[in-house]
Amino acid sequence: MKYVLRFRPEVVGDLEQAEGWYDDRRLGLGSEFLEECKAALDRILDRPEQGTLGADGVRSVRLHRFPYVVHFRIEQTTVVVFAIMFGGRDPSAWRDRM
């Protein structure tokens, strides 16, 4: 089955904030972070059921290289991404986006 990817508007802010934080550490690291996010999203589109299933049908997939997690839900043929956030962050930071 082919899935379509859809993002909550707040995800753009999540990515911009993380990219800036990593670029402040080392120029270009923010771009590497975004590339890793794209790779994780491609994996999710290929096999959305792979994510760890949590409450309310929300799944989570960790990035390989950075301590961030993609939180999403499968809705028929659409993968809805709620957040891409630091893995140690309190889940209540994104749960209100559902």
N, C-alpha and C. Protein backbone atom coordinates (compact mmCIF):
# COMPACT_ATOMS: atom_id res chain seq x y z
N MET A 1 0.84 -1.18 0.00
CA MET A 1 0.00 0.00 0.00
C MET A 1 0.89 1.25 0.00
N LYS A 2 0.49 2.22 -0.75
CA LYS A 2 1.23 3.49 -0.81
C LYS A 2 0.61 4.49 0.16
N TYR A 3 1.45 5.10 0.97
CA TYR A 3 1.00 6.06 1.97
C TYR A 3 1.40 7.49 1.58
N VAL A 4 0.60 8.44 2.03
CA VAL A 4 0.86 9.85 1.84
C VAL A 4 1.29 10.41 3.19
N LEU A 5 2.26 11.30 3.17
CA LEU A 5 2.77 11.92 4.39
C LEU A 5 2.13 13.28 4.59
N ARG A 6 1.65 13.52 5.81
CA ARG A 6 1.06 14.82 6.16
C ARG A 6 1.64 15.26 7.50
N PHE A 7 1.93 16.55 7.62
CA PHE A 7 2.54 17.08 8.84
C PHE A 7 1.59 18.05 9.54
N ARG A 8 1.56 17.99 10.85
CA ARG A 8 0.93 19.05 11.62
C ARG A 8 1.79 20.30 11.41
N PRO A 9 1.19 21.49 11.39
CA PRO A 9 1.97 22.71 11.15
C PRO A 9 3.12 22.92 12.14
N GLU A 10 2.97 22.44 13.37
CA GLU A 10 4.00 22.64 14.40
C GLU A 10 5.29 21.89 14.11
N VAL A 11 5.23 20.88 13.24
CA VAL A 11 6.42 20.09 12.94
C VAL A 11 7.50 20.95 12.28
N VAL A 12 7.09 21.91 11.48
CA VAL A 12 8.05 22.82 10.84
C VAL A 12 8.87 23.53 11.92
N GLY A 13 8.21 24.02 12.96
CA GLY A 13 8.91 24.67 14.07
C GLY A 13 9.83 23.72 14.80
N ASP A 14 9.38 22.47 14.99
CA ASP A 14 10.23 21.46 15.63
C ASP A 14 11.54 21.31 14.87
N LEU A 15 11.42 21.19 13.54
CA LEU A 15 12.60 20.98 12.71
C LEU A 15 13.51 22.21 12.68
N GLU A 16 12.91 23.38 12.55
CA GLU A 16 13.72 24.61 12.52
C GLU A 16 14.47 24.80 13.83
N GLN A 17 13.81 24.55 14.93
CA GLN A 17 14.46 24.71 16.24
C GLN A 17 15.63 23.74 16.39
N ALA A 18 15.41 22.49 16.04
CA ALA A 18 16.47 21.48 16.17
C ALA A 18 17.62 21.76 15.21
N GLU A 19 17.28 22.13 13.98
CA GLU A 19 18.32 22.44 13.00
C GLU A 19 19.20 23.59 13.49
N GLY A 20 18.58 24.64 14.00
CA GLY A 20 19.34 25.77 14.54
C GLY A 20 20.22 25.38 15.70
N TRP A 21 19.69 24.55 16.59
CA TRP A 21 20.45 24.12 17.76
C TRP A 21 21.69 23.35 17.32
N TYR A 22 21.52 22.44 16.36
CA TYR A 22 22.66 21.65 15.88
C TYR A 22 23.65 22.52 15.10
N ASP A 23 23.17 23.47 14.31
CA ASP A 23 24.09 24.36 13.59
C ASP A 23 24.87 25.25 14.54
N ASP A 24 24.29 25.59 15.68
CA ASP A 24 25.04 26.36 16.68
C ASP A 24 26.19 25.54 17.25
N ARG A 25 26.05 24.23 17.25
CA ARG A 25 27.11 23.35 17.77
C ARG A 25 28.22 23.17 16.74
N ARG A 26 27.80 22.97 15.48
CA ARG A 26 28.77 22.81 14.40
C ARG A 26 28.06 23.13 13.10
N LEU A 27 28.64 24.04 12.34
CA LEU A 27 28.05 24.44 11.06
C LEU A 27 27.87 23.22 10.17
N GLY A 28 26.68 23.05 9.64
CA GLY A 28 26.38 21.92 8.78
C GLY A 28 25.72 20.75 9.50
N LEU A 29 25.83 20.72 10.82
CA LEU A 29 25.24 19.62 11.58
C LEU A 29 23.71 19.67 11.50
N GLY A 30 23.16 20.87 11.41
CA GLY A 30 21.72 21.01 11.25
C GLY A 30 21.22 20.37 9.96
N SER A 31 21.98 20.55 8.89
CA SER A 31 21.61 19.91 7.62
C SER A 31 21.70 18.39 7.71
N GLU A 32 22.68 17.91 8.44
CA GLU A 32 22.81 16.47 8.64
C GLU A 32 21.61 15.94 9.45
N PHE A 33 21.17 16.72 10.41
CA PHE A 33 19.99 16.35 11.19
C PHE A 33 18.77 16.25 10.26
N LEU A 34 18.57 17.24 9.40
CA LEU A 34 17.43 17.22 8.48
C LEU A 34 17.49 16.03 7.53
N GLU A 35 18.69 15.67 7.07
CA GLU A 35 18.86 14.51 6.21
C GLU A 35 18.45 13.24 6.95
N GLU A 36 18.83 13.14 8.21
CA GLU A 36 18.46 11.97 9.02
C GLU A 36 16.94 11.92 9.22
N CYS A 37 16.32 13.08 9.39
CA CYS A 37 14.85 13.13 9.51
C CYS A 37 14.20 12.62 8.23
N LYS A 38 14.73 13.05 7.09
CA LYS A 38 14.17 12.61 5.81
C LYS A 38 14.32 11.10 5.67
N ALA A 39 15.45 10.56 6.07
CA ALA A 39 15.66 9.11 5.98
C ALA A 39 14.66 8.37 6.87
N ALA A 40 14.41 8.89 8.07
CA ALA A 40 13.44 8.26 8.97
C ALA A 40 12.04 8.33 8.38
N LEU A 41 11.68 9.46 7.79
CA LEU A 41 10.35 9.60 7.18
C LEU A 41 10.20 8.66 5.99
N ASP A 42 11.26 8.47 5.22
CA ASP A 42 11.22 7.52 4.11
C ASP A 42 11.00 6.10 4.63
N ARG A 43 11.68 5.73 5.73
CA ARG A 43 11.48 4.41 6.34
C ARG A 43 10.04 4.24 6.81
N ILE A 44 9.50 5.30 7.41
CA ILE A 44 8.12 5.25 7.90
C ILE A 44 7.15 5.06 6.74
N LEU A 45 7.35 5.78 5.65
CA LEU A 45 6.47 5.63 4.49
C LEU A 45 6.54 4.23 3.89
N ASP A 46 7.73 3.63 3.92
CA ASP A 46 7.89 2.27 3.39
C ASP A 46 7.18 1.24 4.27
N ARG A 47 7.27 1.43 5.59
CA ARG A 47 6.68 0.46 6.53
C ARG A 47 6.19 1.19 7.78
N PRO A 48 5.06 1.85 7.71
CA PRO A 48 4.59 2.64 8.85
C PRO A 48 4.29 1.82 10.10
N GLU A 49 4.00 0.54 9.94
CA GLU A 49 3.71 -0.30 11.10
C GLU A 49 4.94 -0.59 11.95
N GLN A 50 6.12 -0.23 11.46
CA GLN A 50 7.35 -0.53 12.18
C GLN A 50 7.49 0.27 13.48
N GLY A 51 6.84 1.38 13.58
CA GLY A 51 6.99 2.22 14.76
C GLY A 51 6.43 1.57 16.01
N THR A 52 7.00 1.93 17.15
CA THR A 52 6.50 1.44 18.43
C THR A 52 5.12 2.02 18.65
N LEU A 53 4.14 1.15 18.90
CA LEU A 53 2.77 1.58 19.07
C LEU A 53 2.52 1.98 20.52
N GLY A 54 2.00 3.20 20.70
CA GLY A 54 1.69 3.71 22.03
C GLY A 54 0.22 4.02 22.17
N ALA A 55 -0.09 4.84 23.13
CA ALA A 55 -1.48 5.21 23.41
C ALA A 55 -2.10 5.94 22.23
N ASP A 56 -3.39 5.79 22.06
CA ASP A 56 -4.16 6.49 21.04
C ASP A 56 -3.71 6.18 19.62
N GLY A 57 -3.05 5.04 19.42
CA GLY A 57 -2.61 4.66 18.08
C GLY A 57 -1.42 5.44 17.57
N VAL A 58 -0.76 6.19 18.44
CA VAL A 58 0.42 6.96 18.03
C VAL A 58 1.64 6.05 18.02
N ARG A 59 2.38 6.13 16.95
CA ARG A 59 3.60 5.34 16.80
C ARG A 59 4.82 6.26 16.90
N SER A 60 5.93 5.67 17.28
CA SER A 60 7.17 6.44 17.43
C SER A 60 8.31 5.70 16.77
N VAL A 61 9.14 6.47 16.05
CA VAL A 61 10.35 5.94 15.42
C VAL A 61 11.51 6.85 15.79
N ARG A 62 12.57 6.26 16.30
CA ARG A 62 13.77 7.03 16.67
C ARG A 62 14.65 7.26 15.44
N LEU A 63 15.26 8.42 15.41
CA LEU A 63 16.28 8.66 14.38
C LEU A 63 17.50 7.83 14.73
N HIS A 64 18.28 7.44 13.75
CA HIS A 64 19.46 6.62 14.01
C HIS A 64 20.59 7.40 14.65
N ARG A 65 20.83 8.58 14.18
CA ARG A 65 22.04 9.30 14.56
C ARG A 65 21.82 10.39 15.61
N PHE A 66 20.62 10.86 15.73
CA PHE A 66 20.30 11.96 16.65
C PHE A 66 19.25 11.48 17.65
N PRO A 67 19.25 12.02 18.86
CA PRO A 67 18.32 11.55 19.90
C PRO A 67 16.92 12.15 19.76
N TYR A 68 16.36 12.04 18.57
CA TYR A 68 15.03 12.58 18.28
C TYR A 68 14.09 11.45 17.88
N VAL A 69 12.80 11.72 18.06
CA VAL A 69 11.77 10.73 17.78
C VAL A 69 10.69 11.36 16.90
N VAL A 70 10.25 10.60 15.89
CA VAL A 70 9.13 11.01 15.05
C VAL A 70 7.88 10.36 15.64
N HIS A 71 6.88 11.17 15.97
CA HIS A 71 5.61 10.69 16.51
C HIS A 71 4.56 10.84 15.42
N PHE A 72 3.86 9.75 15.11
CA PHE A 72 2.91 9.77 14.00
C PHE A 72 1.77 8.78 14.23
N ARG A 73 0.75 8.91 13.41
CA ARG A 73 -0.37 7.98 13.44
C ARG A 73 -0.74 7.64 12.00
N ILE A 74 -1.15 6.41 11.79
CA ILE A 74 -1.60 5.96 10.47
C ILE A 74 -3.11 6.16 10.42
N GLU A 75 -3.55 6.92 9.44
CA GLU A 75 -4.98 7.17 9.23
C GLU A 75 -5.31 6.76 7.80
N GLN A 76 -5.79 5.53 7.66
CA GLN A 76 -6.08 4.91 6.37
C GLN A 76 -4.82 4.89 5.52
N THR A 77 -4.72 5.71 4.48
CA THR A 77 -3.53 5.72 3.62
C THR A 77 -2.65 6.94 3.87
N THR A 78 -2.86 7.59 5.00
CA THR A 78 -2.08 8.79 5.34
C THR A 78 -1.30 8.57 6.62
N VAL A 79 -0.05 8.98 6.61
CA VAL A 79 0.77 8.99 7.82
C VAL A 79 0.81 10.44 8.30
N VAL A 80 0.22 10.69 9.46
CA VAL A 80 0.16 12.05 10.01
C VAL A 80 1.25 12.19 11.07
N VAL A 81 2.20 13.08 10.82
CA VAL A 81 3.30 13.33 11.76
C VAL A 81 2.89 14.46 12.69
N PHE A 82 2.89 14.16 14.00
CA PHE A 82 2.50 15.13 15.01
C PHE A 82 3.69 15.93 15.52
N ALA A 83 4.84 15.26 15.61
CA ALA A 83 6.00 15.93 16.20
C ALA A 83 7.27 15.20 15.81
N ILE A 84 8.36 15.96 15.76
CA ILE A 84 9.72 15.41 15.67
C ILE A 84 10.47 16.14 16.77
N MET A 85 10.64 15.44 17.90
CA MET A 85 11.17 16.09 19.10
C MET A 85 12.26 15.26 19.76
N PHE A 86 13.03 15.95 20.60
CA PHE A 86 14.05 15.31 21.42
C PHE A 86 13.43 14.16 22.19
N GLY A 87 14.08 13.01 22.17
CA GLY A 87 13.53 11.81 22.78
C GLY A 87 13.31 11.88 24.27
N GLY A 88 14.03 12.74 24.96
CA GLY A 88 13.88 12.86 26.40
C GLY A 88 12.82 13.86 26.83
N ARG A 89 12.16 14.45 25.86
CA ARG A 89 11.16 15.48 26.17
C ARG A 89 9.85 14.86 26.65
N ASP A 90 9.17 15.55 27.53
CA ASP A 90 7.90 15.10 28.07
C ASP A 90 6.89 14.98 26.93
N PRO A 91 6.22 13.80 26.81
CA PRO A 91 5.25 13.61 25.72
C PRO A 91 4.10 14.62 25.73
N SER A 92 3.83 15.22 26.86
CA SER A 92 2.74 16.20 26.89
C SER A 92 3.06 17.41 26.01
N ALA A 93 4.33 17.56 25.61
CA ALA A 93 4.72 18.67 24.74
C ALA A 93 4.12 18.55 23.36
N TRP A 94 3.74 17.33 22.95
CA TRP A 94 3.16 17.16 21.62
C TRP A 94 1.78 16.50 21.63
N ARG A 95 1.38 15.93 22.71
CA ARG A 95 0.09 15.21 22.75
C ARG A 95 -1.10 16.11 22.42
N ASP A 96 -1.02 17.40 22.74
CA ASP A 96 -2.15 18.30 22.44
C ASP A 96 -2.28 18.59 20.94
N ARG A 97 -1.34 18.10 20.13
CA ARG A 97 -1.39 18.29 18.68
C ARG A 97 -2.26 17.26 17.98
N MET A 98 -2.65 16.23 18.69
CA MET A 98 -3.42 15.14 18.08
C MET A 98 -4.86 15.54 17.84
